N, C-alpha and C. Protein backbone atom coordinates (compact mmCIF):
# COMPACT_ATOMS: atom_id res chain seq x y z
N MET A 1 -2.17 10.54 19.80
CA MET A 1 -2.84 9.66 18.87
C MET A 1 -3.45 10.51 17.75
N THR A 2 -3.31 10.04 16.55
CA THR A 2 -3.97 10.71 15.43
C THR A 2 -5.03 9.78 14.87
N SER A 3 -6.06 10.38 14.29
CA SER A 3 -7.14 9.55 13.76
C SER A 3 -6.67 8.67 12.60
N SER A 4 -5.59 9.08 11.92
CA SER A 4 -5.11 8.28 10.79
C SER A 4 -4.40 7.01 11.25
N SER A 5 -3.99 6.95 12.53
CA SER A 5 -3.31 5.75 13.03
C SER A 5 -4.29 4.69 13.51
N LEU A 6 -5.58 4.97 13.45
CA LEU A 6 -6.61 4.05 13.91
C LEU A 6 -7.29 3.35 12.74
N ARG A 7 -7.85 2.18 13.01
CA ARG A 7 -8.68 1.51 12.01
C ARG A 7 -10.11 1.94 12.26
N TRP A 8 -10.70 2.57 11.26
CA TRP A 8 -12.07 3.07 11.35
C TRP A 8 -13.01 2.13 10.60
N VAL A 9 -14.19 1.89 11.16
CA VAL A 9 -15.18 0.99 10.56
C VAL A 9 -16.46 1.80 10.32
N LYS A 10 -17.00 1.67 9.10
CA LYS A 10 -18.24 2.38 8.78
C LYS A 10 -19.44 1.71 9.44
N SER A 11 -20.41 2.52 9.73
CA SER A 11 -21.67 2.03 10.28
C SER A 11 -22.29 1.02 9.31
N SER A 12 -23.03 0.07 9.86
CA SER A 12 -23.72 -0.89 9.00
C SER A 12 -24.82 -0.24 8.19
N TYR A 13 -25.18 1.00 8.52
CA TYR A 13 -26.19 1.75 7.79
C TYR A 13 -25.56 2.73 6.82
N SER A 14 -24.32 2.49 6.41
CA SER A 14 -23.58 3.45 5.60
C SER A 14 -24.09 3.57 4.17
N ASP A 15 -25.03 2.76 3.80
CA ASP A 15 -25.56 2.81 2.43
C ASP A 15 -26.87 3.60 2.39
N ASN A 16 -26.94 4.66 3.20
CA ASN A 16 -28.19 5.40 3.33
C ASN A 16 -28.15 6.78 2.70
N GLY A 17 -27.37 6.98 1.67
CA GLY A 17 -27.34 8.27 1.00
C GLY A 17 -26.23 9.19 1.46
N GLY A 18 -25.21 8.67 2.09
CA GLY A 18 -24.06 9.47 2.44
C GLY A 18 -23.99 10.00 3.85
N GLN A 19 -25.00 9.76 4.65
CA GLN A 19 -24.96 10.23 6.04
C GLN A 19 -24.39 9.11 6.90
N CYS A 20 -23.06 9.02 6.92
CA CYS A 20 -22.41 7.87 7.54
C CYS A 20 -21.52 8.29 8.71
N VAL A 21 -21.40 7.40 9.66
CA VAL A 21 -20.44 7.58 10.74
C VAL A 21 -19.51 6.37 10.75
N GLU A 22 -18.34 6.59 11.31
CA GLU A 22 -17.36 5.54 11.49
C GLU A 22 -16.95 5.53 12.96
N TRP A 23 -16.47 4.38 13.40
CA TRP A 23 -15.95 4.28 14.76
C TRP A 23 -14.69 3.44 14.75
N ALA A 24 -13.91 3.54 15.83
CA ALA A 24 -12.63 2.84 15.95
C ALA A 24 -12.75 1.74 17.00
N PRO A 25 -13.10 0.51 16.58
CA PRO A 25 -13.41 -0.55 17.55
C PRO A 25 -12.23 -0.99 18.42
N GLU A 26 -11.03 -1.08 17.87
CA GLU A 26 -9.89 -1.51 18.70
C GLU A 26 -9.59 -0.49 19.79
N HIS A 27 -9.72 0.78 19.46
CA HIS A 27 -9.51 1.82 20.47
C HIS A 27 -10.56 1.67 21.57
N ALA A 28 -11.79 1.41 21.20
CA ALA A 28 -12.86 1.24 22.18
C ALA A 28 -12.57 0.06 23.11
N LEU A 29 -12.10 -1.03 22.56
CA LEU A 29 -11.81 -2.21 23.38
C LEU A 29 -10.66 -1.97 24.35
N SER A 30 -9.67 -1.20 23.94
CA SER A 30 -8.49 -1.01 24.80
C SER A 30 -8.64 0.15 25.78
N THR A 31 -9.57 1.07 25.54
CA THR A 31 -9.65 2.26 26.40
C THR A 31 -11.03 2.52 26.99
N ASP A 32 -12.06 1.87 26.50
CA ASP A 32 -13.45 2.13 26.87
C ASP A 32 -13.91 3.52 26.42
N GLU A 33 -13.19 4.11 25.47
CA GLU A 33 -13.61 5.35 24.81
C GLU A 33 -14.01 4.99 23.38
N VAL A 34 -15.17 5.42 22.96
CA VAL A 34 -15.63 5.14 21.61
C VAL A 34 -15.44 6.41 20.78
N LEU A 35 -14.57 6.33 19.78
CA LEU A 35 -14.32 7.46 18.90
C LEU A 35 -15.25 7.35 17.70
N VAL A 36 -15.92 8.45 17.36
CA VAL A 36 -16.90 8.48 16.28
C VAL A 36 -16.58 9.68 15.39
N ARG A 37 -16.63 9.47 14.07
CA ARG A 37 -16.37 10.56 13.14
C ARG A 37 -17.29 10.47 11.93
N ASP A 38 -17.34 11.55 11.18
CA ASP A 38 -18.10 11.63 9.94
C ASP A 38 -17.26 10.98 8.84
N SER A 39 -17.80 9.96 8.18
CA SER A 39 -17.02 9.25 7.17
C SER A 39 -16.69 10.12 5.95
N LYS A 40 -17.44 11.19 5.76
CA LYS A 40 -17.15 12.08 4.63
C LYS A 40 -15.98 13.01 4.91
N ASP A 41 -15.54 13.08 6.17
CA ASP A 41 -14.45 13.97 6.56
C ASP A 41 -13.43 13.19 7.40
N PRO A 42 -12.71 12.23 6.79
CA PRO A 42 -11.83 11.36 7.56
C PRO A 42 -10.66 12.06 8.24
N HIS A 43 -10.33 13.27 7.82
CA HIS A 43 -9.23 14.00 8.47
C HIS A 43 -9.76 15.07 9.41
N GLY A 44 -11.07 15.11 9.58
CA GLY A 44 -11.70 16.10 10.45
C GLY A 44 -11.76 15.63 11.89
N PRO A 45 -12.51 16.34 12.70
CA PRO A 45 -12.60 16.01 14.13
C PRO A 45 -13.40 14.73 14.38
N TYR A 46 -13.26 14.21 15.57
CA TYR A 46 -14.05 13.06 15.99
C TYR A 46 -14.55 13.30 17.40
N LEU A 47 -15.60 12.61 17.76
CA LEU A 47 -16.16 12.67 19.11
C LEU A 47 -15.57 11.54 19.94
N THR A 48 -15.34 11.80 21.20
CA THR A 48 -14.92 10.78 22.15
C THR A 48 -16.08 10.55 23.11
N LEU A 49 -16.64 9.35 23.09
CA LEU A 49 -17.79 9.02 23.91
C LEU A 49 -17.47 7.87 24.86
N THR A 50 -18.16 7.83 25.98
CA THR A 50 -18.08 6.64 26.83
C THR A 50 -18.88 5.54 26.14
N SER A 51 -18.67 4.32 26.57
CA SER A 51 -19.45 3.21 26.00
C SER A 51 -20.94 3.42 26.22
N ARG A 52 -21.30 3.93 27.38
CA ARG A 52 -22.70 4.17 27.69
C ARG A 52 -23.29 5.27 26.79
N ALA A 53 -22.54 6.34 26.58
CA ALA A 53 -23.01 7.41 25.70
C ALA A 53 -23.14 6.91 24.26
N PHE A 54 -22.21 6.08 23.82
CA PHE A 54 -22.27 5.53 22.47
C PHE A 54 -23.52 4.65 22.32
N ALA A 55 -23.79 3.83 23.32
CA ALA A 55 -24.99 2.98 23.27
C ALA A 55 -26.24 3.85 23.18
N GLY A 56 -26.26 4.97 23.90
CA GLY A 56 -27.38 5.89 23.82
C GLY A 56 -27.51 6.52 22.45
N LEU A 57 -26.39 6.87 21.84
CA LEU A 57 -26.40 7.43 20.49
C LEU A 57 -26.95 6.42 19.48
N VAL A 58 -26.51 5.19 19.58
CA VAL A 58 -27.00 4.14 18.68
C VAL A 58 -28.50 3.92 18.88
N SER A 59 -28.94 3.88 20.11
CA SER A 59 -30.36 3.70 20.40
C SER A 59 -31.18 4.86 19.82
N PHE A 60 -30.70 6.07 20.00
CA PHE A 60 -31.38 7.23 19.46
C PHE A 60 -31.47 7.16 17.94
N ALA A 61 -30.35 6.80 17.30
CA ALA A 61 -30.32 6.72 15.84
C ALA A 61 -31.29 5.66 15.32
N LYS A 62 -31.37 4.52 16.01
CA LYS A 62 -32.29 3.47 15.60
C LYS A 62 -33.75 3.91 15.73
N THR A 63 -34.02 4.67 16.77
CA THR A 63 -35.38 5.12 17.03
C THR A 63 -35.80 6.27 16.12
N HIS A 64 -34.88 7.20 15.86
CA HIS A 64 -35.22 8.43 15.14
C HIS A 64 -34.56 8.52 13.77
N GLY A 65 -33.82 7.46 13.39
CA GLY A 65 -33.01 7.42 12.19
C GLY A 65 -33.63 7.90 10.97
């Protein structure tokens, strides 16, 4: 799988001065792996997280954002 073959969605907080993340929702639904990448580097690496780890990341970002 390549990251270019996935549909990536920007965070709802993407209008915060360029510090944006994207995720691949269809991949998450079909595999229970949440792929996350830096929206400024769409051809760069991405993280593979469990759903639980992704929920923790979102919670942390909301608290310390």
